[in-house]
PDB file of N, CA and C in Angstrom:
ATOM      1  N   UNK A   1       0.919  -1.221   0.049  1.00  0.00           N
ATOM      2  CA  UNK A   1       0.100  -0.167   0.044  1.00  0.00           C
ATOM      3  C   UNK A   1       0.941   1.068   0.132  1.00  0.00           C
ATOM      4  N   UNK A   2       0.153   1.885  -0.726  1.00  0.00           N
ATOM      5  CA  UNK A   2       1.236   3.570  -0.931  1.00  0.00           C
ATOM      6  C   UNK A   2       0.642   4.667   0.349  1.00  0.00           C
ATOM      7  N   UNK A   3       1.931   5.010   0.969  1.00  0.00           N
ATOM      8  CA  UNK A   3       1.521   5.574   2.307  1.00  0.00           C
ATOM      9  C   UNK A   3       0.746   7.054   1.910  1.00  0.00           C
ATOM     10  N   UNK A   4       0.940   7.464   0.368  1.00  0.00           N
ATOM     11  CA  UNK A   4       0.033   8.780   0.039  1.00  0.00           C
ATOM     12  C   UNK A   4      -1.251   8.632   0.256  1.00  0.00           C
ATOM     13  N   UNK A   5      -1.746   7.531  -0.011  1.00  0.00           N
ATOM     14  CA  UNK A   5      -3.225   6.870  -0.651  1.00  0.00           C
ATOM     15  C   UNK A   5      -4.028   6.962   0.917  1.00  0.00           C
ATOM     16  N   UNK A   6      -3.096   6.540   2.094  1.00  0.00           N
ATOM     17  CA  UNK A   6      -3.293   6.017   3.424  1.00  0.00           C
ATOM     18  C   UNK A   6      -3.770   7.330   4.112  1.00  0.00           C
ATOM     19  N   UNK A   7      -3.195   8.534   3.929  1.00  0.00           N
ATOM     20  CA  UNK A   7      -3.411   9.767   4.448  1.00  0.00           C
ATOM     21  C   UNK A   7      -4.700  10.425   3.767  1.00  0.00           C
ATOM     22  N   UNK A   8      -5.261  11.169   4.369  1.00  0.00           N
ATOM     23  CA  UNK A   8      -6.256  12.009   3.700  1.00  0.00           C
ATOM     24  C   UNK A   8      -5.966  12.823   2.878  1.00  0.00           C
ATOM     25  N   UNK A   9      -6.469  12.744   2.090  1.00  0.00           N
ATOM     26  CA  UNK A   9      -5.707  13.956   0.621  1.00  0.00           C
ATOM     27  C   UNK A   9      -6.131  15.171   0.582  1.00  0.00           C
ATOM     28  N   UNK A  10      -5.126  16.091   0.566  1.00  0.00           N
ATOM     29  CA  UNK A  10      -5.412  17.580   0.529  1.00  0.00           C
ATOM     30  C   UNK A  10      -6.330  17.837  -0.361  1.00  0.00           C
ATOM     31  N   UNK A  11      -7.163  18.819  -0.068  1.00  0.00           N
ATOM     32  CA  UNK A  11      -8.219  19.367  -1.189  1.00  0.00           C
ATOM     33  C   UNK A  11      -7.658  20.897  -1.269  1.00  0.00           C
ATOM     34  N   UNK A  12      -8.143  21.454  -2.514  1.00  0.00           N
ATOM     35  CA  UNK A  12      -7.638  22.739  -2.579  1.00  0.00           C
ATOM     36  C   UNK A  12      -7.896  23.867  -2.149  1.00  0.00           C
ATOM     37  N   UNK A  13      -9.125  23.565  -1.222  1.00  0.00           N
ATOM     38  CA  UNK A  13      -9.746  24.559  -0.091  1.00  0.00           C
ATOM     39  C   UNK A  13      -8.878  24.649   1.086  1.00  0.00           C
ATOM     40  N   UNK A  14      -8.211  23.365   1.294  1.00  0.00           N
ATOM     41  CA  UNK A  14      -7.295  23.184   2.525  1.00  0.00           C
ATOM     42  C   UNK A  14      -6.332  24.086   2.292  1.00  0.00           C
ATOM     43  N   UNK A  15      -5.551  23.739   1.376  1.00  0.00           N
ATOM     44  CA  UNK A  15      -4.170  24.602   0.838  1.00  0.00           C
ATOM     45  C   UNK A  15      -4.636  26.068   0.850  1.00  0.00           C
ATOM     46  N   UNK A  16      -5.710  26.473   0.149  1.00  0.00           N
ATOM     47  CA  UNK A  16      -5.665  27.802  -0.064  1.00  0.00           C
ATOM     48  C   UNK A  16      -6.053  28.553   1.325  1.00  0.00           C
ATOM     49  N   UNK A  17      -6.882  28.104   2.215  1.00  0.00           N
ATOM     50  CA  UNK A  17      -6.912  28.571   3.410  1.00  0.00           C
ATOM     51  C   UNK A  17      -5.455  28.382   4.513  1.00  0.00           C
ATOM     52  N   UNK A  18      -4.591  27.546   4.268  1.00  0.00           N
ATOM     53  CA  UNK A  18      -3.517  27.527   5.132  1.00  0.00           C
ATOM     54  C   UNK A  18      -2.637  28.881   4.525  1.00  0.00           C
ATOM     55  N   UNK A  19      -2.866  28.859   2.944  1.00  0.00           N
ATOM     56  CA  UNK A  19      -1.974  30.113   2.306  1.00  0.00           C
ATOM     57  C   UNK A  19      -2.547  31.039   2.593  1.00  0.00           C
ATOM     58  N   UNK A  20      -3.824  31.580   2.753  1.00  0.00           N
ATOM     59  CA  UNK A  20      -4.399  32.763   3.187  1.00  0.00           C
ATOM     60  C   UNK A  20      -4.581  33.200   4.688  1.00  0.00           C
ATOM     61  N   UNK A  21      -4.444  31.996   5.612  1.00  0.00           N
ATOM     62  CA  UNK A  21      -4.585  32.479   6.933  1.00  0.00           C
ATOM     63  C   UNK A  21      -4.097  33.752   7.581  1.00  0.00           C
ATOM     64  N   UNK A  22      -4.478  34.616   8.180  1.00  0.00           N
ATOM     65  CA  UNK A  22      -3.818  35.984   8.755  1.00  0.00           C
ATOM     66  C   UNK A  22      -2.510  35.678   9.723  1.00  0.00           C
ATOM     67  N   UNK A  23      -1.470  36.335   9.334  1.00  0.00           N
ATOM     68  CA  UNK A  23      -0.307  36.461  10.085  1.00  0.00           C
ATOM     69  C   UNK A  23      -0.248  37.037  11.120  1.00  0.00           C
ATOM     70  N   UNK A  24      -1.479  38.033  11.643  1.00  0.00           N
ATOM     71  CA  UNK A  24      -1.287  38.823  12.670  1.00  0.00           C
ATOM     72  C   UNK A  24      -2.573  38.611  13.578  1.00  0.00           C
ATOM     73  N   UNK A  25      -2.232  38.843  14.819  1.00  0.00           N
ATOM     74  CA  UNK A  25      -3.830  38.113  15.407  1.00  0.00           C
ATOM     75  C   UNK A  25      -4.385  39.941  16.433  1.00  0.00           C
ATOM     76  N   UNK A  26      -3.709  40.562  15.826  1.00  0.00           N
ATOM     77  CA  UNK A  26      -4.089  42.311  16.662  1.00  0.00           C
ATOM     78  C   UNK A  26      -4.096  42.979  15.623  1.00  0.00           C
ATOM     79  N   UNK A  27      -5.079  43.814  15.494  1.00  0.00           N
ATOM     80  CA  UNK A  27      -5.172  44.895  14.108  1.00  0.00           C
ATOM     81  C   UNK A  27      -4.055  45.559  14.004  1.00  0.00           C
ATOM     82  N   UNK A  28      -3.855  45.999  13.038  1.00  0.00           N
ATOM     83  CA  UNK A  28      -2.631  46.787  13.001  1.00  0.00           C
ATOM     84  C   UNK A  28      -2.589  48.453  12.882  1.00  0.00           C
ATOM     85  N   UNK A  29      -3.960  48.796  13.540  1.00  0.00           N
ATOM     86  CA  UNK A  29      -4.188  50.263  13.166  1.00  0.00           C
ATOM     87  C   UNK A  29      -5.201  50.220  14.380  1.00  0.00           C
ATOM     88  N   UNK A  30      -5.378  51.336  15.192  1.00  0.00           N
ATOM     89  CA  UNK A  30      -6.192  51.303  16.199  1.00  0.00           C
ATOM     90  C   UNK A  30      -7.019  52.411  15.824  1.00  0.00           C
ATOM     91  N   UNK A  31      -8.133  51.839  16.203  1.00  0.00           N
ATOM     92  CA  UNK A  31      -9.516  52.712  15.619  1.00  0.00           C
ATOM     93  C   UNK A  31      -9.790  53.686  16.508  1.00  0.00           C
ATOM     94  N   UNK A  32     -10.785  54.611  16.902  1.00  0.00           N
ATOM     95  CA  UNK A  32     -11.110  55.429  17.650  1.00  0.00           C
ATOM     96  C   UNK A  32     -11.723  54.794  18.765  1.00  0.00           C
ATOM     97  N   UNK A  33     -12.469  53.644  18.336  1.00  0.00           N
ATOM     98  CA  UNK A  33     -13.518  53.439  19.239  1.00  0.00           C
ATOM     99  C   UNK A  33     -12.359  52.496  20.276  1.00  0.00           C
ATOM    100  N   UNK A  34     -11.278  51.748  19.725  1.00  0.00           N
ATOM    101  CA  UNK A  34     -10.320  50.818  20.541  1.00  0.00           C
ATOM    102  C   UNK A  34      -9.326  51.867  21.240  1.00  0.00           C
ATOM    103  N   UNK A  35      -9.180  53.073  20.228  1.00  0.00           N
ATOM    104  CA  UNK A  35      -8.409  54.085  21.417  1.00  0.00           C
ATOM    105  C   UNK A  35      -9.194  54.593  22.730  1.00  0.00           C
ATOM    106  N   UNK A  36     -10.441  54.569  22.397  1.00  0.00           N
ATOM    107  CA  UNK A  36     -11.263  55.334  23.511  1.00  0.00           C
ATOM    108  C   UNK A  36     -11.177  54.260  25.031  1.00  0.00           C
ATOM    109  N   UNK A  37     -11.274  53.029  24.632  1.00  0.00           N
ATOM    110  CA  UNK A  37     -11.533  51.844  25.128  1.00  0.00           C
ATOM    111  C   UNK A  37     -10.063  51.248  25.904  1.00  0.00           C
ATOM    112  N   UNK A  38      -8.975  51.755  25.382  1.00  0.00           N
ATOM    113  CA  UNK A  38      -7.402  51.645  25.612  1.00  0.00           C
ATOM    114  C   UNK A  38      -7.442  52.674  27.218  1.00  0.00           C
ATOM    115  N   UNK A  39      -7.780  53.943  26.573  1.00  0.00           N
ATOM    116  CA  UNK A  39      -7.775  55.147  27.502  1.00  0.00           C
ATOM    117  C   UNK A  39      -8.928  54.672  28.592  1.00  0.00           C
ATOM    118  N   UNK A  40     -10.120  54.377  28.660  1.00  0.00           N
ATOM    119  CA  UNK A  40     -10.925  54.100  29.752  1.00  0.00           C
ATOM    120  C   UNK A  40      -9.959  52.919  30.646  1.00  0.00           C
ATOM    121  N   UNK A  41      -9.455  51.640  30.077  1.00  0.00           N
ATOM    122  CA  UNK A  41      -8.536  50.929  30.589  1.00  0.00           C
ATOM    123  C   UNK A  41      -7.669  51.474  31.498  1.00  0.00           C
ATOM    124  N   UNK A  42      -6.905  52.632  31.092  1.00  0.00           N
ATOM    125  CA  UNK A  42      -5.825  52.948  31.479  1.00  0.00           C
ATOM    126  C   UNK A  42      -6.199  53.560  33.116  1.00  0.00           C
ATOM    127  N   UNK A  43      -7.107  54.401  32.573  1.00  0.00           N
ATOM    128  CA  UNK A  43      -7.985  55.327  33.643  1.00  0.00           C
ATOM    129  C   UNK A  43      -8.508  54.037  34.769  1.00  0.00           C
ATOM    130  N   UNK A  44      -8.864  53.365  34.264  1.00  0.00           N
ATOM    131  CA  UNK A  44      -9.162  52.293  35.739  1.00  0.00           C
ATOM    132  C   UNK A  44      -8.182  51.686  36.324  1.00  0.00           C
ATOM    133  N   UNK A  45      -7.007  51.092  35.528  1.00  0.00           N
ATOM    134  CA  UNK A  45      -5.988  50.637  36.410  1.00  0.00           C
ATOM    135  C   UNK A  45      -5.622  51.589  36.874  1.00  0.00           C
ATOM    136  N   UNK A  46      -5.466  52.923  36.991  1.00  0.00           N
ATOM    137  CA  UNK A  46      -4.869  54.041  37.801  1.00  0.00           C
ATOM    138  C   UNK A  46      -5.644  53.774  39.097  1.00  0.00           C
ATOM    139  N   UNK A  47      -7.165  54.212  38.815  1.00  0.00           N
ATOM    140  CA  UNK A  47      -7.820  54.186  39.790  1.00  0.00           C
ATOM    141  C   UNK A  47      -8.145  53.032  40.761  1.00  0.00           C
ATOM    142  N   UNK A  48      -7.679  51.709  40.376  1.00  0.00           N
ATOM    143  CA  UNK A  48      -7.266  50.435  41.200  1.00  0.00           C
ATOM    144  C   UNK A  48      -6.167  50.720  41.924  1.00  0.00           C
ATOM    145  N   UNK A  49      -5.167  51.059  41.432  1.00  0.00           N
ATOM    146  CA  UNK A  49      -3.574  51.402  41.738  1.00  0.00           C
ATOM    147  C   UNK A  49      -3.727  52.466  43.047  1.00  0.00           C
ATOM    148  N   UNK A  50      -4.777  53.502  42.693  1.00  0.00           N
ATOM    149  CA  UNK A  50      -4.635  54.843  43.580  1.00  0.00           C
ATOM    150  C   UNK A  50      -5.698  53.828  45.003  1.00  0.00           C
ATOM    151  N   UNK A  51      -6.584  53.234  44.338  1.00  0.00           N
ATOM    152  CA  UNK A  51      -7.601  52.647  45.612  1.00  0.00           C
ATOM    153  C   UNK A  51      -6.261  51.582  46.306  1.00  0.00           C
ATOM    154  N   UNK A  52      -6.061  50.861  45.757  1.00  0.00           N
ATOM    155  CA  UNK A  52      -4.852  49.782  46.416  1.00  0.00           C
ATOM    156  C   UNK A  52      -4.060  50.773  47.477  1.00  0.00           C
ATOM    157  N   UNK A  53      -3.345  51.868  46.989  1.00  0.00           N
ATOM    158  CA  UNK A  53      -2.789  52.404  47.848  1.00  0.00           C
ATOM    159  C   UNK A  53      -2.942  52.955  48.982  1.00  0.00           C
ATOM    160  N   UNK A  54      -4.462  53.654  48.648  1.00  0.00           N
ATOM    161  CA  UNK A  54      -5.029  54.082  49.595  1.00  0.00           C
ATOM    162  C   UNK A  54      -5.294  53.171  50.646  1.00  0.00           C
ATOM    163  N   UNK A  55      -5.808  51.929  50.410  1.00  0.00           N
ATOM    164  CA  UNK A  55      -6.224  50.965  51.378  1.00  0.00           C
ATOM    165  C   UNK A  55      -4.956  50.519  51.670  1.00  0.00           C
ATOM    166  N   UNK A  56      -3.768  50.297  51.571  1.00  0.00           N
ATOM    167  CA  UNK A  56      -2.757  50.244  52.053  1.00  0.00           C
ATOM    168  C   UNK A  56      -2.303  51.244  53.319  1.00  0.00           C
ATOM    169  N   UNK A  57      -2.290  52.452  52.927  1.00  0.00           N
ATOM    170  CA  UNK A  57      -2.315  53.637  53.912  1.00  0.00           C
ATOM    171  C   UNK A  57      -3.157  53.128  55.141  1.00  0.00           C
ATOM    172  N   UNK A  58      -4.372  53.284  54.532  1.00  0.00           N
ATOM    173  CA  UNK A  58      -5.617  52.904  55.860  1.00  0.00           C
ATOM    174  C   UNK A  58      -5.205  52.301  56.733  1.00  0.00           C
ATOM    175  N   UNK A  59      -5.055  50.767  56.847  1.00  0.00           N
ATOM    176  CA  UNK A  59      -4.239  49.767  56.895  1.00  0.00           C
ATOM    177  C   UNK A  59      -3.168  50.202  57.983  1.00  0.00           C
ATOM    178  N   UNK A  60      -2.616  50.460  57.251  1.00  0.00           N
ATOM    179  CA  UNK A  60      -1.121  51.153  58.300  1.00  0.00           C
ATOM    180  C   UNK A  60      -1.593  52.138  59.291  1.00  0.00           C
ATOM    181  N   UNK A  61      -2.136  52.954  58.785  1.00  0.00           N
ATOM    182  CA  UNK A  61      -2.567  54.112  59.760  1.00  0.00           C
ATOM    183  C   UNK A  61      -3.259  53.462  60.860  1.00  0.00           C
ATOM    184  N   UNK A  62      -4.173  52.290  60.709  1.00  0.00           N
ATOM    185  CA  UNK A  62      -4.990  51.766  62.115  1.00  0.00           C
ATOM    186  C   UNK A  62      -3.949  50.983  62.773  1.00  0.00           C
ATOM    187  N   UNK A  63      -2.831  50.256  62.013  1.00  0.00           N
ATOM    188  CA  UNK A  63      -2.282  49.624  62.950  1.00  0.00           C
ATOM    189  C   UNK A  63      -1.541  50.376  64.113  1.00  0.00           C
ATOM    190  N   UNK A  64      -1.059  51.485  63.270  1.00  0.00           N
ATOM    191  CA  UNK A  64      -0.244  52.559  64.130  1.00  0.00           C
ATOM    192  C   UNK A  64      -0.769  53.016  65.216  1.00  0.00           C
ATOM    193  N   UNK A  65      -2.375  53.325  64.979  1.00  0.00           N
ATOM    194  CA  UNK A  65      -3.340  53.975  65.847  1.00  0.00           C
ATOM    195  C   UNK A  65      -3.373  52.776  67.035  1.00  0.00           C
ATOM    196  N   UNK A  66      -3.424  51.742  66.671  1.00  0.00           N
ATOM    197  CA  UNK A  66      -3.561  50.559  67.684  1.00  0.00           C
ATOM    198  C   UNK A  66      -2.361  50.414  68.431  1.00  0.00           C
ATOM    199  N   UNK A  67      -1.204  50.215  68.162  1.00  0.00           N
ATOM    200  CA  UNK A  67       0.254  50.178  68.323  1.00  0.00           C
ATOM    201  C   UNK A  67       0.151  51.463  69.804  1.00  0.00           C
ATOM    202  N   UNK A  68      -0.108  52.927  69.492  1.00  0.00           N
ATOM    203  CA  UNK A  68      -0.276  53.884  70.294  1.00  0.00           C
ATOM    204  C   UNK A  68      -1.341  53.696  71.126  1.00  0.00           C
ATOM    205  N   UNK A  69      -2.255  52.868  70.982  1.00  0.00           N
ATOM    206  CA  UNK A  69      -3.561  52.915  71.959  1.00  0.00           C
ATOM    207  C   UNK A  69      -2.882  52.000  73.101  1.00  0.00           C
ATOM    208  N   UNK A  70      -2.377  51.051  72.393  1.00  0.00           N
ATOM    209  CA  UNK A  70      -1.844  50.019  73.455  1.00  0.00           C
ATOM    210  C   UNK A  70      -0.689  49.892  74.488  1.00  0.00           C
ATOM    211  N   UNK A  71       0.102  51.333  73.820  1.00  0.00           N
ATOM    212  CA  UNK A  71       0.841  51.787  74.681  1.00  0.00           C
ATOM    213  C   UNK A  71       0.480  52.743  75.768  1.00  0.00           C
ATOM    214  N   UNK A  72      -0.464  53.353  75.317  1.00  0.00           N
ATOM    215  CA  UNK A  72      -0.970  54.453  76.074  1.00  0.00           C
ATOM    216  C   UNK A  72      -1.979  53.466  77.453  1.00  0.00           C
ATOM    217  N   UNK A  73      -2.661  52.758  76.906  1.00  0.00           N
ATOM    218  CA  UNK A  73      -3.296  51.709  78.082  1.00  0.00           C
ATOM    219  C   UNK A  73      -1.957  51.277  78.612  1.00  0.00           C
ATOM    220  N   UNK A  74      -0.992  50.581  78.574  1.00  0.00           N
ATOM    221  CA  UNK A  74      -0.306  49.870  79.431  1.00  0.00           C
ATOM    222  C   UNK A  74       0.012  51.062  80.307  1.00  0.00           C
ATOM    223  N   UNK A  75       0.509  52.140  79.905  1.00  0.00           N
ATOM    224  CA  UNK A  75       0.861  53.437  80.824  1.00  0.00           C
ATOM    225  C   UNK A  75      -0.234  53.559  81.870  1.00  0.00           C
ATOM    226  N   UNK A  76      -1.192  53.761  81.507  1.00  0.00           N
ATOM    227  CA  UNK A  76      -2.599  54.398  82.322  1.00  0.00           C
ATOM    228  C   UNK A  76      -2.434  53.111  83.165  1.00  0.00           C
ATOM    229  N   UNK A  77      -2.561  51.956  82.789  1.00  0.00           N
ATOM    230  CA  UNK A  77      -2.926  50.860  83.814  1.00  0.00           C
ATOM    231  C   UNK A  77      -1.461  50.772  85.064  1.00  0.00           C
ATOM    232  N   UNK A  78      -0.345  51.092  84.701  1.00  0.00           N
ATOM    233  CA  UNK A  78       0.389  51.327  85.550  1.00  0.00           C
ATOM    234  C   UNK A  78       0.360  52.383  86.187  1.00  0.00           C
ATOM    235  N   UNK A  79       0.151  53.372  85.962  1.00  0.00           N
ATOM    236  CA  UNK A  79      -0.389  54.694  86.658  1.00  0.00           C
ATOM    237  C   UNK A  79      -1.501  54.208  87.658  1.00  0.00           C
ATOM    238  N   UNK A  80      -2.233  53.693  87.400  1.00  0.00           N
ATOM    239  CA  UNK A  80      -3.511  53.034  88.321  1.00  0.00           C
ATOM    240  C   UNK A  80      -3.069  52.191  89.414  1.00  0.00           C
ATOM    241  N   UNK A  81      -2.349  51.341  89.425  1.00  0.00           N
ATOM    242  CA  UNK A  81      -1.375  50.542  90.305  1.00  0.00           C
ATOM    243  C   UNK A  81      -1.027  51.550  91.475  1.00  0.00           C
ATOM    244  N   UNK A  82       0.029  52.294  90.814  1.00  0.00           N
ATOM    245  CA  UNK A  82       0.808  53.369  91.725  1.00  0.00           C
ATOM    246  C   UNK A  82      -0.557  54.175  92.286  1.00  0.00           C
ATOM    247  N   UNK A  83      -1.465  55.127  91.924  1.00  0.00           N
ATOM    248  CA  UNK A  83      -2.448  55.574  92.578  1.00  0.00           C
ATOM    249  C   UNK A  83      -3.139  54.529  93.851  1.00  0.00           C
ATOM    250  N   UNK A  84      -3.160  53.536  93.254  1.00  0.00           N
ATOM    251  CA  UNK A  84      -4.280  52.855  94.047  1.00  0.00           C
ATOM    252  C   UNK A  84      -3.524  52.521  95.588  1.00  0.00           C
ATOM    253  N   UNK A  85      -2.012  52.461  95.121  1.00  0.00           N
ATOM    254  CA  UNK A  85      -1.313  52.391  96.205  1.00  0.00           C
ATOM    255  C   UNK A  85      -1.062  53.298  96.966  1.00  0.00           C
ATOM    256  N   UNK A  86      -0.784  54.581  96.505  1.00  0.00           N
ATOM    257  CA  UNK A  86      -1.096  55.776  97.340  1.00  0.00           C
ATOM    258  C   UNK A  86      -2.339  55.985  97.887  1.00  0.00           C
ATOM    259  N   UNK A  87      -3.381  55.795  97.479  1.00  0.00           N
ATOM    260  CA  UNK A  87      -4.752  55.636  98.129  1.00  0.00           C
ATOM    261  C   UNK A  87      -4.861  54.857  99.360  1.00  0.00           C
ATOM    262  N   UNK A  88      -4.303  53.476  99.034  1.00  0.00           N
ATOM    263  CA  UNK A  88      -4.182  52.628 100.630  1.00  0.00           C
ATOM    264  C   UNK A  88      -3.374  53.514 101.391  1.00  0.00           C
ATOM    265  N   UNK A  89      -2.301  54.056 101.353  1.00  0.00           N
ATOM    266  CA  UNK A  89      -1.577  54.641 101.901  1.00  0.00           C
ATOM    267  C   UNK A  89      -2.354  55.720 102.485  1.00  0.00           C
ATOM    268  N   UNK A  90      -2.863  56.853 101.524  1.00  0.00           N
ATOM    269  CA  UNK A  90      -3.652  58.175 102.393  1.00  0.00           C
ATOM    270  C   UNK A  90      -4.816  57.595 103.103  1.00  0.00           C
ATOM    271  N   UNK A  91      -5.217  56.528 102.859  1.00  0.00           N
ATOM    272  CA  UNK A  91      -6.256  55.700 103.825  1.00  0.00           C
ATOM    273  C   UNK A  91      -5.718  55.438 105.099  1.00  0.00           C
ATOM    274  N   UNK A  92      -4.531  54.627 105.036  1.00  0.00           N
ATOM    275  CA  UNK A  92      -4.008  54.322 106.465  1.00  0.00           C
ATOM    276  C   UNK A  92      -3.674  55.815 107.166  1.00  0.00           C
ATOM    277  N   UNK A  93      -3.218  56.976 106.510  1.00  0.00           N
ATOM    278  CA  UNK A  93      -2.928  58.172 107.222  1.00  0.00           C
ATOM    279  C   UNK A  93      -3.860  58.840 107.850  1.00  0.00           C
ATOM    280  N   UNK A  94      -5.110  58.916 107.178  1.00  0.00           N
ATOM    281  CA  UNK A  94      -6.179  59.509 107.611  1.00  0.00           C
ATOM    282  C   UNK A  94      -6.688  58.806 109.059  1.00  0.00           C
ATOM    283  N   UNK A  95      -6.818  57.611 108.856  1.00  0.00           N
ATOM    284  CA  UNK A  95      -7.144  56.428 110.247  1.00  0.00           C
ATOM    285  C   UNK A  95      -6.415  56.953 111.365  1.00  0.00           C
ATOM    286  N   UNK A  96      -4.997  56.823 110.907  1.00  0.00           N
ATOM    287  CA  UNK A  96      -3.923  57.233 112.105  1.00  0.00           C
ATOM    288  C   UNK A  96      -4.279  58.695 112.527  1.00  0.00           C
ATOM    289  N   UNK A  97      -4.284  59.679 111.495  1.00  0.00           N
ATOM    290  CA  UNK A  97      -4.559  60.743 112.434  1.00  0.00           C
ATOM    291  C   UNK A  97      -5.992  61.304 112.864  1.00  0.00           C
ATOM    292  N   UNK A  98      -7.028  60.585 112.704  1.00  0.00           N
ATOM    293  CA  UNK A  98      -8.449  60.263 113.254  1.00  0.00           C
ATOM    294  C   UNK A  98      -8.168  59.643 114.349  1.00  0.00           C
ATOM    295  N   UNK A  99      -7.121  58.738 114.975  1.00  0.00           N
ATOM    296  CA  UNK A  99      -7.124  58.038 116.003  1.00  0.00           C
ATOM    297  C   UNK A  99      -6.236  59.282 117.101  1.00  0.00           C
ATOM    298  N   UNK A 100      -5.629  59.774 116.370  1.00  0.00           N
ATOM    299  CA  UNK A 100      -4.794  60.683 117.397  1.00  0.00           C
ATOM    300  C   UNK A 100      -5.946  61.810 117.638  1.00  0.00           C
ATOM    301  N   UNK A 101      -6.708  62.787 116.612  1.00  0.00           N
ATOM    302  CA  UNK A 101      -7.577  63.291 117.266  1.00  0.00           C
ATOM    303  C   UNK A 101      -8.352  62.975 117.894  1.00  0.00           C
ATOM    304  N   UNK A 102      -9.201  61.803 117.806  1.00  0.00           N
ATOM    305  CA  UNK A 102     -10.011  61.453 118.721  1.00  0.00           C
ATOM    306  C   UNK A 102      -9.505  60.966 120.215  1.00  0.00           C
ATOM    307  N   UNK A 103      -8.355  60.718 120.365  1.00  0.00           N
ATOM    308  CA  UNK A 103      -7.600  60.236 121.676  1.00  0.00           C
ATOM    309  C   UNK A 103      -7.170  61.653 122.584  1.00  0.00           C
ATOM    310  N   UNK A 104      -7.041  62.702 121.666  1.00  0.00           N
ATOM    311  CA  UNK A 104      -6.912  64.032 122.213  1.00  0.00           C
ATOM    312  C   UNK A 104      -7.950  64.443 122.983  1.00  0.00           C
TER     313      UNK A 104
END
C-alpha cells in the first residue's frame, strides 16, 4: 500500500485556507473606539492602583493607631496601680490621724 493513499488527501480548499490565514492576531491600526477603550482601561488601572494605595495606607494607619493605643493603655494601667497604692497609704494616714485627734 502506498503511504500517500493512506493519509487524507489534501483538497484545494485546505491549501487555500492555509495559504491565506492571517499572519497577525492584533489589528494593525487603532480605531477611535479601540483608543477610547484603551484610555478607559488605563484610567481604570490608575484608579485601581490609587484605591489599593489608599487601602494600604489606611491599614498602616490603623495598625499604628492600635499600637499607640496599646502603649497608652499600658501606661495608664501602670499608673492606676500606683494611684491605688497611694490611696491605700492615704487611707491609713487618715485613720491614724483620726485616732490621734480622737484620743486628744
